[in-house]
C-alpha atoms as a PDB file:
ATOM      1  CA  UNK A   1      72.803  20.122  74.641  1.00  0.00           C
ATOM      2  CA  UNK A   2      75.733  19.169  76.871  1.00  0.00           C
ATOM      3  CA  UNK A   3      73.662  16.511  78.635  1.00  0.00           C
ATOM      4  CA  UNK A   4      72.834  14.975  75.253  1.00  0.00           C
ATOM      5  CA  UNK A   5      76.493  14.834  74.244  1.00  0.00           C
ATOM      6  CA  UNK A   6      77.489  13.330  77.591  1.00  0.00           C
ATOM      7  CA  UNK A   7      74.743  10.705  77.264  1.00  0.00           C
ATOM      8  CA  UNK A   8      75.955   9.839  73.744  1.00  0.00           C
ATOM      9  CA  UNK A   9      79.526   9.541  75.034  1.00  0.00           C
ATOM     10  CA  UNK A  10      78.520   7.309  77.930  1.00  0.00           C
ATOM     11  CA  UNK A  11      76.399   5.133  75.656  1.00  0.00           C
ATOM     12  CA  UNK A  12      79.157   4.824  73.047  1.00  0.00           C
ATOM     13  CA  UNK A  13      81.895   4.217  75.626  1.00  0.00           C
ATOM     14  CA  UNK A  14      80.440   0.987  76.999  1.00  0.00           C
ATOM     15  CA  UNK A  15      83.358  -1.420  77.267  1.00  0.00           C
ATOM     16  CA  UNK A  16      85.839   1.188  76.042  1.00  0.00           C
ATOM     17  CA  UNK A  17      87.618   1.528  79.377  1.00  0.00           C
ATOM     18  CA  UNK A  18      87.581   3.968  82.257  1.00  0.00           C
ATOM     19  CA  UNK A  19      86.961   7.685  82.194  1.00  0.00           C
ATOM     20  CA  UNK A  20      90.730   8.315  82.257  1.00  0.00           C
ATOM     21  CA  UNK A  21      90.908   7.395  78.569  1.00  0.00           C
ATOM     22  CA  UNK A  22      88.590  10.258  77.618  1.00  0.00           C
ATOM     23  CA  UNK A  23      90.418  12.770  79.806  1.00  0.00           C
ATOM     24  CA  UNK A  24      93.812  12.368  78.129  1.00  0.00           C
ATOM     25  CA  UNK A  25      94.184  14.539  75.085  1.00  0.00           C
ATOM     26  CA  UNK A  26      96.535  14.355  72.111  1.00  0.00           C
ATOM     27  CA  UNK A  27      99.864  16.106  72.596  1.00  0.00           C
ATOM     28  CA  UNK A  28     101.382  18.712  70.276  1.00  0.00           C
ATOM     29  CA  UNK A  29     104.906  18.237  68.958  1.00  0.00           C
ATOM     30  CA  UNK A  30     106.850  20.912  67.041  1.00  0.00           C
ATOM     31  CA  UNK A  31     109.510  19.524  64.706  1.00  0.00           C
ATOM     32  CA  UNK A  32     112.105  22.120  63.588  1.00  0.00           C
ATOM     33  CA  UNK A  33     114.003  21.249  60.412  1.00  0.00           C
ATOM     34  CA  UNK A  34     116.804  23.620  59.346  1.00  0.00           C
ATOM     35  CA  UNK A  35     117.271  24.189  55.615  1.00  0.00           C
ATOM     36  CA  UNK A  36     120.435  24.938  53.652  1.00  0.00           C
ATOM     37  CA  UNK A  37     118.996  28.402  52.883  1.00  0.00           C
ATOM     38  CA  UNK A  38     119.121  29.333  56.576  1.00  0.00           C
ATOM     39  CA  UNK A  39     115.382  29.023  57.134  1.00  0.00           C
ATOM     40  CA  UNK A  40     113.626  26.634  59.476  1.00  0.00           C
ATOM     41  CA  UNK A  41     110.673  24.445  58.541  1.00  0.00           C
ATOM     42  CA  UNK A  42     108.343  24.037  61.508  1.00  0.00           C
ATOM     43  CA  UNK A  43     105.983  21.070  61.515  1.00  0.00           C
ATOM     44  CA  UNK A  44     103.426  21.226  64.331  1.00  0.00           C
ATOM     45  CA  UNK A  45     101.917  17.781  64.746  1.00  0.00           C
ATOM     46  CA  UNK A  46      99.390  16.217  67.077  1.00  0.00           C
ATOM     47  CA  UNK A  47      99.812  12.707  68.370  1.00  0.00           C
ATOM     48  CA  UNK A  48      97.052  10.303  67.395  1.00  0.00           C
ATOM     49  CA  UNK A  49      94.346   9.110  69.765  1.00  0.00           C
ATOM     50  CA  UNK A  50      94.864   5.995  71.839  1.00  0.00           C
ATOM     51  CA  UNK A  51      92.997   2.843  70.839  1.00  0.00           C
ATOM     52  CA  UNK A  52      90.121   3.359  73.268  1.00  0.00           C
ATOM     53  CA  UNK A  53      89.799   7.015  72.255  1.00  0.00           C
ATOM     54  CA  UNK A  54      89.686   6.033  68.569  1.00  0.00           C
ATOM     55  CA  UNK A  55      86.958   3.489  69.357  1.00  0.00           C
ATOM     56  CA  UNK A  56      84.896   6.220  70.994  1.00  0.00           C
ATOM     57  CA  UNK A  57      85.477   8.613  68.078  1.00  0.00           C
ATOM     58  CA  UNK A  58      84.403   5.905  65.631  1.00  0.00           C
ATOM     59  CA  UNK A  59      81.242   5.090  67.576  1.00  0.00           C
ATOM     60  CA  UNK A  60      80.305   8.780  67.745  1.00  0.00           C
ATOM     61  CA  UNK A  61      81.132   9.190  64.027  1.00  0.00           C
ATOM     62  CA  UNK A  62      83.610  11.977  64.795  1.00  0.00           C
ATOM     63  CA  UNK A  63      86.812  12.855  62.958  1.00  0.00           C
ATOM     64  CA  UNK A  64      89.795  14.721  64.326  1.00  0.00           C
ATOM     65  CA  UNK A  65      90.815  17.901  62.487  1.00  0.00           C
ATOM     66  CA  UNK A  66      93.602  17.781  59.930  1.00  0.00           C
ATOM     67  CA  UNK A  67      97.190  18.436  60.972  1.00  0.00           C
ATOM     68  CA  UNK A  68      98.158  22.137  60.905  1.00  0.00           C
ATOM     69  CA  UNK A  69     100.003  23.405  57.811  1.00  0.00           C
ATOM     70  CA  UNK A  70     103.772  23.736  57.516  1.00  0.00           C
ATOM     71  CA  UNK A  71     105.325  27.024  58.722  1.00  0.00           C
ATOM     72  CA  UNK A  72     108.560  28.494  57.442  1.00  0.00           C
ATOM     73  CA  UNK A  73     110.611  30.726  59.751  1.00  0.00           C
ATOM     74  CA  UNK A  74     113.111  33.149  58.232  1.00  0.00           C
ATOM     75  CA  UNK A  75     116.543  33.488  59.828  1.00  0.00           C
ATOM     76  CA  UNK A  76     116.805  36.254  62.435  1.00  0.00           C
ATOM     77  CA  UNK A  77     117.866  39.608  60.991  1.00  0.00           C
ATOM     78  CA  UNK A  78     120.915  41.354  62.460  1.00  0.00           C
ATOM     79  CA  UNK A  79     120.085  44.698  64.031  1.00  0.00           C
ATOM     80  CA  UNK A  80     121.973  47.664  62.619  1.00  0.00           C
ATOM     81  CA  UNK A  81     122.332  50.741  64.747  1.00  0.00           C
END
């Protein structure tokens, strides 16, 4: 199965650039937004693919997964002894 996928990738990547473009992966960025209620909204986001990567994804008819959902972090609780 892996050989078939690699063959599809090589066939679809003709003219798309070198193998370095496939090796780089999207980066994850966490954006922390404080609220007036003392909580923190955490948005984990992935950067989009580069142009040559998007070309390859289009030719292979592949879609990237959706962005992860929003997380809400409560303020830290004070410890009572």
